[in-house]
Amino acid sequence: MFEECLSPDPFLGYEVTYSTTRPVVNALSFGENIDAMKSSILTKASDWSYEQEKRFFDYRGGAGYRSFPPSAFKGVILGARISDEDEATVRSLLTRRPLETQIWRAELRETEFAMNIIPADQDG
């Protein structure tokens, strides 16, 4: 089933589709309808469209961590409520990368249901 919609290249990302409505999926025919399956795992709320997200799937390897080539991503956005401990862990892991990685921080806006994404070295 997955072979038809996912590439054999483990580092090929699939672009997320952003929508104001949730995809409708019939769970009973999920395995027979590749488009419905792709829609269910590659659709996200329009509010997140600024992310320009891609998703990677390794349907052959089961659950767990994966290694990516250094060029697979350029930066990391730290969540607005990340703990100091988790931030230290992320930063420590990034120091091991052979390529420079940009670090941003999500910051909640005071009066809107929105966030600012700022370079991490500009926050307080």
Protein backbone atom coordinates (compact mmCIF):
# COMPACT_ATOMS: atom_id res chain seq x y z
CA MET A 1 0.00 0.00 0.00
CA PHE A 2 2.65 2.57 0.99
CA GLU A 3 4.92 1.65 -1.89
CA GLU A 4 2.48 3.29 -4.29
CA CYS A 5 2.60 6.70 -2.62
CA LEU A 6 6.02 6.88 -1.00
CA SER A 7 9.35 6.98 -2.74
CA PRO A 8 12.03 4.37 -2.05
CA ASP A 9 14.37 7.32 -1.34
CA PRO A 10 14.33 7.63 2.49
CA PHE A 11 15.26 11.32 2.31
CA LEU A 12 12.51 12.49 0.00
CA GLY A 13 10.05 14.69 1.85
CA TYR A 14 6.42 15.10 0.90
CA GLU A 15 5.00 18.59 1.01
CA VAL A 16 2.21 19.20 3.49
CA THR A 17 -1.06 20.60 2.16
CA TYR A 18 -2.61 23.36 4.28
CA SER A 19 -6.38 23.60 4.53
CA THR A 20 -9.13 25.25 6.54
CA THR A 21 -11.03 21.94 6.61
CA ARG A 22 -10.05 18.49 7.77
CA PRO A 23 -9.78 15.77 5.16
CA VAL A 24 -12.62 13.24 5.21
CA VAL A 25 -11.32 9.69 5.34
CA ASN A 26 -13.29 6.46 5.40
CA ALA A 27 -11.26 4.24 7.73
CA LEU A 28 -12.82 1.09 6.26
CA SER A 29 -11.40 1.78 2.79
CA PHE A 30 -8.25 3.57 3.91
CA GLY A 31 -5.87 0.92 2.57
CA GLU A 32 -7.57 0.89 -0.82
CA ASN A 33 -7.58 4.65 -1.38
CA ILE A 34 -4.03 6.01 -1.68
CA ASP A 35 -5.21 9.62 -2.18
CA ALA A 36 -7.29 9.50 1.01
CA MET A 37 -4.36 8.07 2.92
CA LYS A 38 -1.98 10.73 1.61
CA SER A 39 -4.51 13.44 2.39
CA SER A 40 -4.93 12.22 5.97
CA ILE A 41 -1.20 12.25 6.75
CA LEU A 42 -0.15 15.23 4.64
CA THR A 43 -2.85 17.79 5.53
CA LYS A 44 -2.47 20.38 8.26
CA ALA A 45 -4.43 23.47 9.36
CA SER A 46 -3.89 26.60 7.25
CA ASP A 47 -2.64 28.43 10.34
CA TRP A 48 0.60 26.45 10.05
CA SER A 49 1.30 27.26 6.38
CA TYR A 50 4.24 29.52 7.30
CA GLU A 51 6.14 26.34 8.20
CA GLN A 52 6.31 25.11 4.60
CA GLU A 53 6.62 21.66 6.16
CA LYS A 54 7.70 18.46 4.51
CA ARG A 55 7.14 15.09 6.10
CA PHE A 56 9.41 12.09 5.81
CA PHE A 57 8.14 8.53 6.11
CA ASP A 58 10.08 5.32 6.61
CA TYR A 59 7.39 2.70 6.24
CA ARG A 60 9.93 -0.12 6.17
CA GLY A 61 11.87 0.64 9.34
CA GLY A 62 9.23 0.75 12.07
CA ALA A 63 9.17 3.25 14.92
CA GLY A 64 12.31 4.97 16.19
CA TYR A 65 14.91 7.59 15.43
CA ARG A 66 16.34 8.13 11.97
CA SER A 67 19.56 9.69 10.75
CA PHE A 68 19.28 12.34 8.06
CA PRO A 69 22.00 13.71 5.83
CA PRO A 70 23.26 17.06 7.19
CA SER A 71 21.72 18.94 4.27
CA ALA A 72 18.21 17.64 5.07
CA PHE A 73 17.35 20.62 7.22
CA LYS A 74 18.65 24.14 7.68
CA GLY A 75 17.20 25.24 11.00
CA VAL A 76 15.24 24.54 14.14
CA ILE A 77 12.40 26.49 15.72
CA LEU A 78 12.38 26.21 19.50
CA GLY A 79 8.84 26.14 20.89
CA ALA A 80 7.52 29.10 22.86
CA ARG A 81 7.34 26.99 26.01
CA ILE A 82 10.45 24.81 25.60
CA SER A 83 12.08 23.98 28.93
CA ASP A 84 15.63 25.12 29.61
CA GLU A 85 16.66 21.45 29.80
CA ASP A 86 15.14 20.58 26.40
CA GLU A 87 16.64 23.67 24.81
CA ALA A 88 20.08 22.72 26.15
CA THR A 89 19.65 19.21 24.71
CA VAL A 90 18.67 20.56 21.28
CA ARG A 91 21.56 23.01 21.23
CA SER A 92 23.99 20.29 22.30
CA LEU A 93 22.83 18.02 19.48
CA LEU A 94 23.17 20.86 16.97
CA THR A 95 26.82 21.46 17.93
CA ARG A 96 27.59 17.98 16.56
CA ARG A 97 26.35 18.87 13.07
CA PRO A 98 28.96 19.52 10.40
CA LEU A 99 26.81 22.31 8.89
CA GLU A 100 25.67 25.50 10.55
CA THR A 101 22.08 25.32 11.74
CA GLN A 102 19.92 28.39 12.22
CA ILE A 103 17.97 28.52 15.48
CA TRP A 104 14.74 30.46 15.89
CA ARG A 105 12.35 30.77 18.80
CA ALA A 106 8.56 30.85 18.68
CA GLU A 107 7.16 33.65 20.78
CA LEU A 108 3.47 34.00 21.67
CA ARG A 109 1.82 37.29 20.74
CA GLU A 110 0.06 39.08 23.56
CA THR A 111 -3.24 39.91 21.87
CA GLU A 112 -3.53 37.47 18.97
CA PHE A 113 -3.72 33.71 18.50
CA ALA A 114 -0.44 33.83 16.63
CA MET A 115 3.29 33.57 17.14
CA ASN A 116 6.35 35.49 16.12
CA ILE A 117 9.32 33.46 14.93
CA ILE A 118 12.52 35.30 15.80
CA PRO A 119 16.20 34.39 15.68
CA ALA A 120 17.01 32.76 19.03
CA ASP A 121 19.89 35.13 19.72
CA GLN A 122 17.48 38.12 19.65
CA ASP A 123 15.27 36.99 22.51
CA GLY A 124 15.72 37.99 26.11
